Amino acid sequence: MRIDTLSIDTLVVGGLVLLAMVGISVYGWRTLPPDARVPLHRGPGGFGNWQPKARALITYPVGGAVVFAIVLTATTRGKSGKTPLEVIAPLAILAIFFTQYFAVMAAIRKASRND
């Protein structure tokens, strides 16, 4: 099986975003108090599902990895370069990354108001 440079680019971008997601989780873990709650995204309506810190900070990177793997698994390689799904996979994980970032920032703001 031959891996072309386009799929390697997609994997590298996805891996870097996943690494950044783990970094945000570590930052949230160290910054937030032990009893803090972090919002999980609940669809287009926004945040509304506040979960314990540990559960939420693990859910985002794991969910991002699962979505990335599913989209890449569904990718079919064509003769003309990147398929739409190879482009969509990094975009999907980036959307989850930004959702996680804003969720952690919201939790930090909420925790600082409660102090």
PDB file of N, CA and C in Angstrom:
ATOM      1  N   MET A   1       0.835  -1.180   0.000  1.00  0.00           N
ATOM      2  CA  MET A   1       0.000   0.000   0.000  1.00  0.00           C
ATOM      3  C   MET A   1       0.882   1.246   0.000  1.00  0.00           C
ATOM      4  N   ARG A   2       0.668   2.127  -0.925  1.00  0.00           N
ATOM      5  CA  ARG A   2       1.466   3.332  -1.074  1.00  0.00           C
ATOM      6  C   ARG A   2       0.758   4.500  -0.402  1.00  0.00           C
ATOM      7  N   ILE A   3       1.475   5.247   0.446  1.00  0.00           N
ATOM      8  CA  ILE A   3       0.914   6.442   1.081  1.00  0.00           C
ATOM      9  C   ILE A   3       1.486   7.643   0.355  1.00  0.00           C
ATOM     10  N   ASP A   4       0.624   8.437  -0.243  1.00  0.00           N
ATOM     11  CA  ASP A   4       1.100   9.613  -0.960  1.00  0.00           C
ATOM     12  C   ASP A   4       1.279  10.786  -0.012  1.00  0.00           C
ATOM     13  N   THR A   5       1.914  11.847  -0.509  1.00  0.00           N
ATOM     14  CA  THR A   5       2.224  12.989   0.342  1.00  0.00           C
ATOM     15  C   THR A   5       0.976  13.734   0.786  1.00  0.00           C
ATOM     16  N   LEU A   6      -0.088  13.674   0.001  1.00  0.00           N
ATOM     17  CA  LEU A   6      -1.305  14.384   0.391  1.00  0.00           C
ATOM     18  C   LEU A   6      -1.914  13.769   1.642  1.00  0.00           C
ATOM     19  N   SER A   7      -1.952  12.444   1.719  1.00  0.00           N
ATOM     20  CA  SER A   7      -2.513  11.823   2.912  1.00  0.00           C
ATOM     21  C   SER A   7      -1.588  12.032   4.107  1.00  0.00           C
ATOM     22  N   ILE A   8      -0.282  12.094   3.874  1.00  0.00           N
ATOM     23  CA  ILE A   8       0.656  12.369   4.962  1.00  0.00           C
ATOM     24  C   ILE A   8       0.427  13.790   5.484  1.00  0.00           C
ATOM     25  N   ASP A   9       0.216  14.744   4.575  1.00  0.00           N
ATOM     26  CA  ASP A   9      -0.088  16.118   5.006  1.00  0.00           C
ATOM     27  C   ASP A   9      -1.332  16.154   5.876  1.00  0.00           C
ATOM     28  N   THR A  10      -2.353  15.431   5.467  1.00  0.00           N
ATOM     29  CA  THR A  10      -3.598  15.393   6.225  1.00  0.00           C
ATOM     30  C   THR A  10      -3.355  14.799   7.607  1.00  0.00           C
ATOM     31  N   LEU A  11      -2.593  13.725   7.674  1.00  0.00           N
ATOM     32  CA  LEU A  11      -2.294  13.096   8.963  1.00  0.00           C
ATOM     33  C   LEU A  11      -1.461  14.004   9.863  1.00  0.00           C
ATOM     34  N   VAL A  12      -0.507  14.713   9.281  1.00  0.00           N
ATOM     35  CA  VAL A  12       0.333  15.617  10.070  1.00  0.00           C
ATOM     36  C   VAL A  12      -0.502  16.754  10.646  1.00  0.00           C
ATOM     37  N   VAL A  13      -1.346  17.365   9.814  1.00  0.00           N
ATOM     38  CA  VAL A  13      -2.194  18.456  10.298  1.00  0.00           C
ATOM     39  C   VAL A  13      -3.121  17.937  11.400  1.00  0.00           C
ATOM     40  N   GLY A  14      -3.749  16.804  11.173  1.00  0.00           N
ATOM     41  CA  GLY A  14      -4.640  16.228  12.182  1.00  0.00           C
ATOM     42  C   GLY A  14      -3.905  15.911  13.471  1.00  0.00           C
ATOM     43  N   GLY A  15      -2.703  15.355  13.352  1.00  0.00           N
ATOM     44  CA  GLY A  15      -1.906  15.031  14.530  1.00  0.00           C
ATOM     45  C   GLY A  15      -1.511  16.271  15.314  1.00  0.00           C
ATOM     46  N   LEU A  16      -1.151  17.335  14.613  1.00  0.00           N
ATOM     47  CA  LEU A  16      -0.787  18.579  15.294  1.00  0.00           C
ATOM     48  C   LEU A  16      -1.987  19.197  16.014  1.00  0.00           C
ATOM     49  N   VAL A  17      -3.149  19.142  15.376  1.00  0.00           N
ATOM     50  CA  VAL A  17      -4.347  19.686  16.023  1.00  0.00           C
ATOM     51  C   VAL A  17      -4.709  18.832  17.241  1.00  0.00           C
ATOM     52  N   LEU A  18      -4.598  17.510  17.116  1.00  0.00           N
ATOM     53  CA  LEU A  18      -4.859  16.645  18.280  1.00  0.00           C
ATOM     54  C   LEU A  18      -3.884  16.936  19.418  1.00  0.00           C
ATOM     55  N   LEU A  19      -2.640  17.170  19.090  1.00  0.00           N
ATOM     56  CA  LEU A  19      -1.646  17.514  20.101  1.00  0.00           C
ATOM     57  C   LEU A  19      -2.009  18.840  20.774  1.00  0.00           C
ATOM     58  N   ALA A  20      -2.476  19.805  19.982  1.00  0.00           N
ATOM     59  CA  ALA A  20      -2.917  21.082  20.559  1.00  0.00           C
ATOM     60  C   ALA A  20      -4.124  20.881  21.467  1.00  0.00           C
ATOM     61  N   MET A  21      -5.019  19.970  21.100  1.00  0.00           N
ATOM     62  CA  MET A  21      -6.187  19.683  21.941  1.00  0.00           C
ATOM     63  C   MET A  21      -5.760  19.082  23.272  1.00  0.00           C
ATOM     64  N   VAL A  22      -4.792  18.207  23.245  1.00  0.00           N
ATOM     65  CA  VAL A  22      -4.266  17.640  24.489  1.00  0.00           C
ATOM     66  C   VAL A  22      -3.640  18.759  25.321  1.00  0.00           C
ATOM     67  N   GLY A  23      -2.943  19.682  24.667  1.00  0.00           N
ATOM     68  CA  GLY A  23      -2.348  20.815  25.369  1.00  0.00           C
ATOM     69  C   GLY A  23      -3.399  21.681  26.042  1.00  0.00           C
ATOM     70  N   ILE A  24      -4.518  21.939  25.371  1.00  0.00           N
ATOM     71  CA  ILE A  24      -5.592  22.720  25.973  1.00  0.00           C
ATOM     72  C   ILE A  24      -6.170  21.974  27.174  1.00  0.00           C
ATOM     73  N   SER A  25      -6.309  20.659  27.053  1.00  0.00           N
ATOM     74  CA  SER A  25      -6.818  19.874  28.179  1.00  0.00           C
ATOM     75  C   SER A  25      -5.876  19.946  29.376  1.00  0.00           C
ATOM     76  N   VAL A  26      -4.587  19.860  29.124  1.00  0.00           N
ATOM     77  CA  VAL A  26      -3.605  19.966  30.211  1.00  0.00           C
ATOM     78  C   VAL A  26      -3.672  21.358  30.837  1.00  0.00           C
ATOM     79  N   TYR A  27      -3.762  22.379  30.006  1.00  0.00           N
ATOM     80  CA  TYR A  27      -3.880  23.751  30.520  1.00  0.00           C
ATOM     81  C   TYR A  27      -5.136  23.901  31.374  1.00  0.00           C
ATOM     82  N   GLY A  28      -6.259  23.387  30.882  1.00  0.00           N
ATOM     83  CA  GLY A  28      -7.496  23.451  31.652  1.00  0.00           C
ATOM     84  C   GLY A  28      -7.397  22.691  32.957  1.00  0.00           C
ATOM     85  N   TRP A  29      -6.765  21.538  32.919  1.00  0.00           N
ATOM     86  CA  TRP A  29      -6.609  20.716  34.122  1.00  0.00           C
ATOM     87  C   TRP A  29      -5.807  21.461  35.182  1.00  0.00           C
ATOM     88  N   ARG A  30      -4.751  22.143  34.751  1.00  0.00           N
ATOM     89  CA  ARG A  30      -3.883  22.848  35.704  1.00  0.00           C
ATOM     90  C   ARG A  30      -4.483  24.174  36.157  1.00  0.00           C
ATOM     91  N   THR A  31      -5.304  24.804  35.327  1.00  0.00           N
ATOM     92  CA  THR A  31      -5.826  26.131  35.621  1.00  0.00           C
ATOM     93  C   THR A  31      -7.123  26.092  36.424  1.00  0.00           C
ATOM     94  N   LEU A  32      -7.982  25.152  36.096  1.00  0.00           N
ATOM     95  CA  LEU A  32      -9.306  25.105  36.723  1.00  0.00           C
ATOM     96  C   LEU A  32      -9.247  24.454  38.106  1.00  0.00           C
ATOM     97  N   PRO A  33     -10.104  24.905  39.022  1.00  0.00           N
ATOM     98  CA  PRO A  33     -10.164  24.258  40.337  1.00  0.00           C
ATOM     99  C   PRO A  33     -10.701  22.832  40.213  1.00  0.00           C
ATOM    100  N   PRO A  34     -10.449  21.986  41.211  1.00  0.00           N
ATOM    101  CA  PRO A  34     -10.848  20.571  41.125  1.00  0.00           C
ATOM    102  C   PRO A  34     -12.344  20.346  40.909  1.00  0.00           C
ATOM    103  N   ASP A  35     -13.181  21.214  41.447  1.00  0.00           N
ATOM    104  CA  ASP A  35     -14.623  21.011  41.317  1.00  0.00           C
ATOM    105  C   ASP A  35     -15.233  21.753  40.120  1.00  0.00           C
ATOM    106  N   ALA A  36     -14.400  22.255  39.239  1.00  0.00           N
ATOM    107  CA  ALA A  36     -14.888  23.028  38.087  1.00  0.00           C
ATOM    108  C   ALA A  36     -15.664  22.141  37.118  1.00  0.00           C
ATOM    109  N   ARG A  37     -16.521  22.785  36.371  1.00  0.00           N
ATOM    110  CA  ARG A  37     -17.287  22.115  35.327  1.00  0.00           C
ATOM    111  C   ARG A  37     -16.974  22.812  34.005  1.00  0.00           C
ATOM    112  N   VAL A  38     -16.873  22.020  32.952  1.00  0.00           N
ATOM    113  CA  VAL A  38     -16.535  22.532  31.619  1.00  0.00           C
ATOM    114  C   VAL A  38     -17.689  22.196  30.689  1.00  0.00           C
ATOM    115  N   PRO A  39     -18.106  23.160  29.851  1.00  0.00           N
ATOM    116  CA  PRO A  39     -19.234  22.875  28.964  1.00  0.00           C
ATOM    117  C   PRO A  39     -18.829  21.995  27.785  1.00  0.00           C
ATOM    118  N   LEU A  40     -19.698  21.073  27.475  1.00  0.00           N
ATOM    119  CA  LEU A  40     -19.560  20.304  26.247  1.00  0.00           C
ATOM    120  C   LEU A  40     -20.543  20.890  25.248  1.00  0.00           C
ATOM    121  N   HIS A  41     -20.159  20.912  24.011  1.00  0.00           N
ATOM    122  CA  HIS A  41     -21.009  21.511  22.987  1.00  0.00           C
ATOM    123  C   HIS A  41     -22.211  20.621  22.729  1.00  0.00           C
ATOM    124  N   ARG A  42     -23.352  21.252  22.582  1.00  0.00           N
ATOM    125  CA  ARG A  42     -24.596  20.503  22.404  1.00  0.00           C
ATOM    126  C   ARG A  42     -25.260  20.849  21.069  1.00  0.00           C
ATOM    127  N   GLY A  43     -24.483  20.901  20.027  1.00  0.00           N
ATOM    128  CA  GLY A  43     -25.036  21.192  18.713  1.00  0.00           C
ATOM    129  C   GLY A  43     -25.079  22.682  18.425  1.00  0.00           C
ATOM    130  N   PRO A  44     -25.848  23.061  17.418  1.00  0.00           N
ATOM    131  CA  PRO A  44     -25.871  24.464  16.986  1.00  0.00           C
ATOM    132  C   PRO A  44     -26.351  25.433  18.066  1.00  0.00           C
ATOM    133  N   GLY A  45     -27.041  24.928  19.078  1.00  0.00           N
ATOM    134  CA  GLY A  45     -27.548  25.782  20.146  1.00  0.00           C
ATOM    135  C   GLY A  45     -26.472  26.306  21.073  1.00  0.00           C
ATOM    136  N   GLY A  46     -25.276  25.781  20.987  1.00  0.00           N
ATOM    137  CA  GLY A  46     -24.179  26.249  21.824  1.00  0.00           C
ATOM    138  C   GLY A  46     -23.932  25.345  23.012  1.00  0.00           C
ATOM    139  N   PHE A  47     -23.191  25.894  23.964  1.00  0.00           N
ATOM    140  CA  PHE A  47     -22.842  25.151  25.159  1.00  0.00           C
ATOM    141  C   PHE A  47     -24.061  25.043  26.060  1.00  0.00           C
ATOM    142  N   GLY A  48     -24.255  23.928  26.683  1.00  0.00           N
ATOM    143  CA  GLY A  48     -25.384  23.791  27.569  1.00  0.00           C
ATOM    144  C   GLY A  48     -25.276  22.558  28.427  1.00  0.00           C
ATOM    145  N   ASN A  49     -24.211  21.833  28.284  1.00  0.00           N
ATOM    146  CA  ASN A  49     -24.055  20.575  28.976  1.00  0.00           C
ATOM    147  C   ASN A  49     -22.774  20.652  29.817  1.00  0.00           C
ATOM    148  N   TRP A  50     -22.846  21.233  30.998  1.00  0.00           N
ATOM    149  CA  TRP A  50     -21.671  21.416  31.849  1.00  0.00           C
ATOM    150  C   TRP A  50     -21.343  20.106  32.563  1.00  0.00           C
ATOM    151  N   GLN A  51     -20.160  19.590  32.300  1.00  0.00           N
ATOM    152  CA  GLN A  51     -19.709  18.311  32.844  1.00  0.00           C
ATOM    153  C   GLN A  51     -18.536  18.532  33.795  1.00  0.00           C
ATOM    154  N   PRO A  52     -18.273  17.546  34.676  1.00  0.00           N
ATOM    155  CA  PRO A  52     -17.085  17.652  35.530  1.00  0.00           C
ATOM    156  C   PRO A  52     -15.828  17.831  34.676  1.00  0.00           C
ATOM    157  N   LYS A  53     -14.889  18.542  35.241  1.00  0.00           N
ATOM    158  CA  LYS A  53     -13.664  18.912  34.535  1.00  0.00           C
ATOM    159  C   LYS A  53     -12.982  17.715  33.867  1.00  0.00           C
ATOM    160  N   ALA A  54     -12.782  16.638  34.592  1.00  0.00           N
ATOM    161  CA  ALA A  54     -12.060  15.486  34.047  1.00  0.00           C
ATOM    162  C   ALA A  54     -12.775  14.900  32.832  1.00  0.00           C
ATOM    163  N   ARG A  55     -14.075  14.725  32.931  1.00  0.00           N
ATOM    164  CA  ARG A  55     -14.833  14.133  31.835  1.00  0.00           C
ATOM    165  C   ARG A  55     -14.754  15.007  30.578  1.00  0.00           C
ATOM    166  N   ALA A  56     -14.960  16.300  30.738  1.00  0.00           N
ATOM    167  CA  ALA A  56     -14.971  17.191  29.579  1.00  0.00           C
ATOM    168  C   ALA A  56     -13.592  17.312  28.946  1.00  0.00           C
ATOM    169  N   LEU A  57     -12.557  17.429  29.775  1.00  0.00           N
ATOM    170  CA  LEU A  57     -11.212  17.620  29.229  1.00  0.00           C
ATOM    171  C   LEU A  57     -10.686  16.372  28.531  1.00  0.00           C
ATOM    172  N   ILE A  58     -11.235  15.221  28.864  1.00  0.00           N
ATOM    173  CA  ILE A  58     -10.866  13.988  28.159  1.00  0.00           C
ATOM    174  C   ILE A  58     -11.733  13.813  26.909  1.00  0.00           C
ATOM    175  N   THR A  59     -12.987  14.218  27.003  1.00  0.00           N
ATOM    176  CA  THR A  59     -13.932  14.018  25.898  1.00  0.00           C
ATOM    177  C   THR A  59     -13.515  14.756  24.630  1.00  0.00           C
ATOM    178  N   TYR A  60     -13.041  15.992  24.769  1.00  0.00           N
ATOM    179  CA  TYR A  60     -12.706  16.765  23.573  1.00  0.00           C
ATOM    180  C   TYR A  60     -11.601  16.115  22.719  1.00  0.00           C
ATOM    181  N   PRO A  61     -10.421  15.789  23.270  1.00  0.00           N
ATOM    182  CA  PRO A  61      -9.398  15.173  22.412  1.00  0.00           C
ATOM    183  C   PRO A  61      -9.797  13.787  21.900  1.00  0.00           C
ATOM    184  N   VAL A  62     -10.469  13.002  22.753  1.00  0.00           N
ATOM    185  CA  VAL A  62     -10.889  11.664  22.315  1.00  0.00           C
ATOM    186  C   VAL A  62     -11.933  11.789  21.200  1.00  0.00           C
ATOM    187  N   GLY A  63     -12.895  12.691  21.392  1.00  0.00           N
ATOM    188  CA  GLY A  63     -13.900  12.914  20.360  1.00  0.00           C
ATOM    189  C   GLY A  63     -13.288  13.415  19.062  1.00  0.00           C
ATOM    190  N   GLY A  64     -12.314  14.316  19.185  1.00  0.00           N
ATOM    191  CA  GLY A  64     -11.630  14.816  17.993  1.00  0.00           C
ATOM    192  C   GLY A  64     -10.905  13.709  17.246  1.00  0.00           C
ATOM    193  N   ALA A  65     -10.236  12.834  17.986  1.00  0.00           N
ATOM    194  CA  ALA A  65      -9.522  11.715  17.357  1.00  0.00           C
ATOM    195  C   ALA A  65     -10.498  10.763  16.665  1.00  0.00           C
ATOM    196  N   VAL A  66     -11.630  10.495  17.313  1.00  0.00           N
ATOM    197  CA  VAL A  66     -12.627   9.592  16.727  1.00  0.00           C
ATOM    198  C   VAL A  66     -13.203  10.188  15.440  1.00  0.00           C
ATOM    199  N   VAL A  67     -13.584  11.460  15.496  1.00  0.00           N
ATOM    200  CA  VAL A  67     -14.142  12.108  14.292  1.00  0.00           C
ATOM    201  C   VAL A  67     -13.104  12.117  13.173  1.00  0.00           C
ATOM    202  N   PHE A  68     -11.869  12.459  13.496  1.00  0.00           N
ATOM    203  CA  PHE A  68     -10.805  12.483  12.495  1.00  0.00           C
ATOM    204  C   PHE A  68     -10.617  11.103  11.874  1.00  0.00           C
ATOM    205  N   ALA A  69     -10.599  10.065  12.698  1.00  0.00           N
ATOM    206  CA  ALA A  69     -10.425   8.700  12.186  1.00  0.00           C
ATOM    207  C   ALA A  69     -11.600   8.275  11.309  1.00  0.00           C
ATOM    208  N   ILE A  70     -12.806   8.620  11.720  1.00  0.00           N
ATOM    209  CA  ILE A  70     -13.983   8.242  10.923  1.00  0.00           C
ATOM    210  C   ILE A  70     -13.956   8.922   9.563  1.00  0.00           C
ATOM    211  N   VAL A  71     -13.644  10.207   9.557  1.00  0.00           N
ATOM    212  CA  VAL A  71     -13.623  10.929   8.280  1.00  0.00           C
ATOM    213  C   VAL A  71     -12.502  10.399   7.389  1.00  0.00           C
ATOM    214  N   LEU A  72     -11.327  10.125   7.954  1.00  0.00           N
ATOM    215  CA  LEU A  72     -10.245   9.587   7.139  1.00  0.00           C
ATOM    216  C   LEU A  72     -10.556   8.183   6.636  1.00  0.00           C
ATOM    217  N   THR A  73     -11.229   7.393   7.449  1.00  0.00           N
ATOM    218  CA  THR A  73     -11.596   6.042   7.019  1.00  0.00           C
ATOM    219  C   THR A  73     -12.559   6.091   5.838  1.00  0.00           C
ATOM    220  N   ALA A  74     -13.414   7.086   5.829  1.00  0.00           N
ATOM    221  CA  ALA A  74     -14.385   7.225   4.746  1.00  0.00           C
ATOM    222  C   ALA A  74     -13.764   7.804   3.478  1.00  0.00           C
ATOM    223  N   THR A  75     -12.515   8.242   3.562  1.00  0.00           N
ATOM    224  CA  THR A  75     -11.857   8.875   2.418  1.00  0.00           C
ATOM    225  C   THR A  75     -11.527   7.844   1.348  1.00  0.00           C
ATOM    226  N   THR A  76     -11.836   8.188   0.138  1.00  0.00           N
ATOM    227  CA  THR A  76     -11.408   7.376  -0.998  1.00  0.00           C
ATOM    228  C   THR A  76     -10.453   8.209  -1.828  1.00  0.00           C
ATOM    229  N   ARG A  77      -9.373   7.614  -2.193  1.00  0.00           N
ATOM    230  CA  ARG A  77      -8.366   8.351  -2.956  1.00  0.00           C
ATOM    231  C   ARG A  77      -8.706   8.340  -4.438  1.00  0.00           C
ATOM    232  N   GLY A  78      -8.631   9.503  -5.019  1.00  0.00           N
ATOM    233  CA  GLY A  78      -8.860   9.636  -6.453  1.00  0.00           C
ATOM    234  C   GLY A  78      -7.546   9.886  -7.165  1.00  0.00           C
ATOM    235  N   LYS A  79      -7.619  10.006  -8.456  1.00  0.00           N
ATOM    236  CA  LYS A  79      -6.409  10.236  -9.234  1.00  0.00           C
ATOM    237  C   LYS A  79      -6.008  11.705  -9.239  1.00  0.00           C
ATOM    238  N   SER A  80      -6.890  12.579  -8.837  1.00  0.00           N
ATOM    239  CA  SER A  80      -6.645  14.014  -8.993  1.00  0.00           C
ATOM    240  C   SER A  80      -6.162  14.694  -7.712  1.00  0.00           C
ATOM    241  N   GLY A  81      -5.626  13.980  -6.763  1.00  0.00           N
ATOM    242  CA  GLY A  81      -5.111  14.621  -5.561  1.00  0.00           C
ATOM    243  C   GLY A  81      -6.023  14.421  -4.374  1.00  0.00           C
ATOM    244  N   LYS A  82      -6.115  15.454  -3.569  1.00  0.00           N
ATOM    245  CA  LYS A  82      -6.908  15.347  -2.346  1.00  0.00           C
ATOM    246  C   LYS A  82      -8.384  15.182  -2.672  1.00  0.00           C
ATOM    247  N   THR A  83      -8.997  14.259  -1.966  1.00  0.00           N
ATOM    248  CA  THR A  83     -10.441  14.106  -2.092  1.00  0.00           C
ATOM    249  C   THR A  83     -11.085  15.094  -1.122  1.00  0.00           C
ATOM    250  N   PRO A  84     -12.355  15.404  -1.310  1.00  0.00           N
ATOM    251  CA  PRO A  84     -13.004  16.350  -0.399  1.00  0.00           C
ATOM    252  C   PRO A  84     -12.908  15.929   1.070  1.00  0.00           C
ATOM    253  N   LEU A  85     -12.994  14.633   1.355  1.00  0.00           N
ATOM    254  CA  LEU A  85     -12.929  14.191   2.748  1.00  0.00           C
ATOM    255  C   LEU A  85     -11.545  14.383   3.349  1.00  0.00           C
ATOM    256  N   GLU A  86     -10.492  14.304   2.535  1.00  0.00           N
ATOM    257  CA  GLU A  86      -9.150  14.547   3.051  1.00  0.00           C
ATOM    258  C   GLU A  86      -8.982  16.007   3.445  1.00  0.00           C
ATOM    259  N   VAL A  87      -9.743  16.875   2.829  1.00  0.00           N
ATOM    260  CA  VAL A  87      -9.724  18.288   3.197  1.00  0.00           C
ATOM    261  C   VAL A  87     -10.658  18.529   4.379  1.00  0.00           C
ATOM    262  N   ILE A  88     -11.770  17.812   4.409  1.00  0.00           N
ATOM    263  CA  ILE A  88     -12.759  17.996   5.466  1.00  0.00           C
ATOM    264  C   ILE A  88     -12.249  17.465   6.808  1.00  0.00           C
ATOM    265  N   ALA A  89     -11.458  16.409   6.813  1.00  0.00           N
ATOM    266  CA  ALA A  89     -10.980  15.814   8.066  1.00  0.00           C
ATOM    267  C   ALA A  89     -10.238  16.831   8.940  1.00  0.00           C
ATOM    268  N   PRO A  90      -9.239  17.551   8.406  1.00  0.00           N
ATOM    269  CA  PRO A  90      -8.584  18.557   9.250  1.00  0.00           C
ATOM    270  C   PRO A  90      -9.525  19.700   9.646  1.00  0.00           C
ATOM    271  N   LEU A  91     -10.449  20.062   8.772  1.00  0.00           N
ATOM    272  CA  LEU A  91     -11.398  21.121   9.108  1.00  0.00           C
ATOM    273  C   LEU A  91     -12.331  20.684  10.235  1.00  0.00           C
ATOM    274  N   ALA A  92     -12.745  19.424  10.211  1.00  0.00           N
ATOM    275  CA  ALA A  92     -13.623  18.905  11.268  1.00  0.00           C
ATOM    276  C   ALA A  92     -12.918  18.918  12.616  1.00  0.00           C
ATOM    277  N   ILE A  93     -11.679  18.489  12.636  1.00  0.00           N
ATOM    278  CA  ILE A  93     -10.961  18.459  13.907  1.00  0.00           C
ATOM    279  C   ILE A  93     -10.620  19.876  14.374  1.00  0.00           C
ATOM    280  N   LEU A  94     -10.403  20.799  13.427  1.00  0.00           N
ATOM    281  CA  LEU A  94     -10.192  22.197  13.803  1.00  0.00           C
ATOM    282  C   LEU A  94     -11.435  22.795  14.453  1.00  0.00           C
ATOM    283  N   ALA A  95     -12.606  22.437  13.944  1.00  0.00           N
ATOM    284  CA  ALA A  95     -13.855  22.915  14.550  1.00  0.00           C
ATOM    285  C   ALA A  95     -13.971  22.410  15.988  1.00  0.00           C
ATOM    286  N   ILE A  96     -13.609  21.157  16.223  1.00  0.00           N
ATOM    287  CA  ILE A  96     -13.657  20.611  17.575  1.00  0.00           C
ATOM    288  C   ILE A  96     -12.608  21.285  18.456  1.00  0.00           C
ATOM    289  N   PHE A  97     -11.444  21.582  17.888  1.00  0.00           N
ATOM    290  CA  PHE A  97     -10.385  22.283  18.623  1.00  0.00           C
ATOM    291  C   PHE A  97     -10.876  23.648  19.114  1.00  0.00           C
ATOM    292  N   PHE A  98     -11.481  24.422  18.233  1.00  0.00           N
ATOM    293  CA  PHE A  98     -11.954  25.751  18.633  1.00  0.00           C
ATOM    294  C   PHE A  98     -13.106  25.659  19.634  1.00  0.00           C
ATOM    295  N   THR A  99     -13.956  24.656  19.472  1.00  0.00           N
ATOM    296  CA  THR A  99     -15.024  24.449  20.445  1.00  0.00           C
ATOM    297  C   THR A  99     -14.431  24.159  21.819  1.00  0.00           C
ATOM    298  N   GLN A 100     -13.414  23.318  21.860  1.00  0.00           N
ATOM    299  CA  GLN A 100     -12.761  22.999  23.132  1.00  0.00           C
ATOM    300  C   GLN A 100     -12.104  24.241  23.722  1.00  0.00           C
ATOM    301  N   TYR A 101     -11.415  24.996  22.903  1.00  0.00           N
ATOM    302  CA  TYR A 101     -10.741  26.202  23.392  1.00  0.00           C
ATOM    303  C   TYR A 101     -11.734  27.147  24.061  1.00  0.00           C
ATOM    304  N   PHE A 102     -12.840  27.441  23.361  1.00  0.00           N
ATOM    305  CA  PHE A 102     -13.816  28.372  23.912  1.00  0.00           C
ATOM    306  C   PHE A 102     -14.529  27.788  25.138  1.00  0.00           C
ATOM    307  N   ALA A 103     -14.707  26.480  25.183  1.00  0.00           N
ATOM    308  CA  ALA A 103     -15.315  25.845  26.352  1.00  0.00           C
ATOM    309  C   ALA A 103     -14.418  25.987  27.572  1.00  0.00           C
ATOM    310  N   VAL A 104     -13.134  25.747  27.407  1.00  0.00           N
ATOM    311  CA  VAL A 104     -12.196  25.869  28.527  1.00  0.00           C
ATOM    312  C   VAL A 104     -12.108  27.321  28.980  1.00  0.00           C
ATOM    313  N   MET A 105     -12.092  28.260  28.038  1.00  0.00           N
ATOM    314  CA  MET A 105     -12.047  29.673  28.412  1.00  0.00           C
ATOM    315  C   MET A 105     -13.329  30.083  29.168  1.00  0.00           C
ATOM    316  N   ALA A 106     -14.475  29.560  28.738  1.00  0.00           N
ATOM    317  CA  ALA A 106     -15.730  29.848  29.443  1.00  0.00           C
ATOM    318  C   ALA A 106     -15.691  29.286  30.861  1.00  0.00           C
ATOM    319  N   ALA A 107     -15.146  28.098  31.010  1.00  0.00           N
ATOM    320  CA  ALA A 107     -15.049  27.487  32.340  1.00  0.00           C
ATOM    321  C   ALA A 107     -14.101  28.284  33.234  1.00  0.00           C
ATOM    322  N   ILE A 108     -13.014  28.792  32.663  1.00  0.00           N
ATOM    323  CA  ILE A 108     -12.074  29.595  33.447  1.00  0.00           C
ATOM    324  C   ILE A 108     -12.735  30.898  33.878  1.00  0.00           C
ATOM    325  N   ARG A 109     -13.477  31.538  32.972  1.00  0.00           N
ATOM    326  CA  ARG A 109     -14.186  32.776  33.338  1.00  0.00           C
ATOM    327  C   ARG A 109     -15.208  32.508  34.436  1.00  0.00           C
ATOM    328  N   LYS A 110     -15.949  31.420  34.306  1.00  0.00           N
ATOM    329  CA  LYS A 110     -16.956  31.080  35.313  1.00  0.00           C
ATOM    330  C   LYS A 110     -16.310  30.795  36.663  1.00  0.00           C
ATOM    331  N   ALA A 111     -15.202  30.066  36.652  1.00  0.00           N
ATOM    332  CA  ALA A 111     -14.508  29.734  37.900  1.00  0.00           C
ATOM    333  C   ALA A 111     -13.949  30.988  38.566  1.00  0.00           C
ATOM    334  N   SER A 112     -13.465  31.934  37.769  1.00  0.00           N
ATOM    335  CA  SER A 112     -12.895  33.158  38.356  1.00  0.00           C
ATOM    336  C   SER A 112     -13.992  34.051  38.951  1.00  0.00           C
ATOM    337  N   ARG A 113     -15.199  34.004  38.405  1.00  0.00           N
ATOM    338  CA  ARG A 113     -16.312  34.769  38.961  1.00  0.00           C
ATOM    339  C   ARG A 113     -16.799  34.167  40.277  1.00  0.00           C
ATOM    340  N   ASN A 114     -16.655  32.860  40.415  1.00  0.00           N
ATOM    341  CA  ASN A 114     -17.128  32.175  41.622  1.00  0.00           C
ATOM    342  C   ASN A 114     -16.152  32.282  42.781  1.00  0.00           C
ATOM    343  N   ASP A 115     -14.940  32.749  42.521  1.00  0.00           N
ATOM    344  CA  ASP A 115     -13.940  32.863  43.605  1.00  0.00           C
ATOM    345  C   ASP A 115     -14.232  34.018  44.518  1.00  0.00           C
TER     346      ASP A 115
END
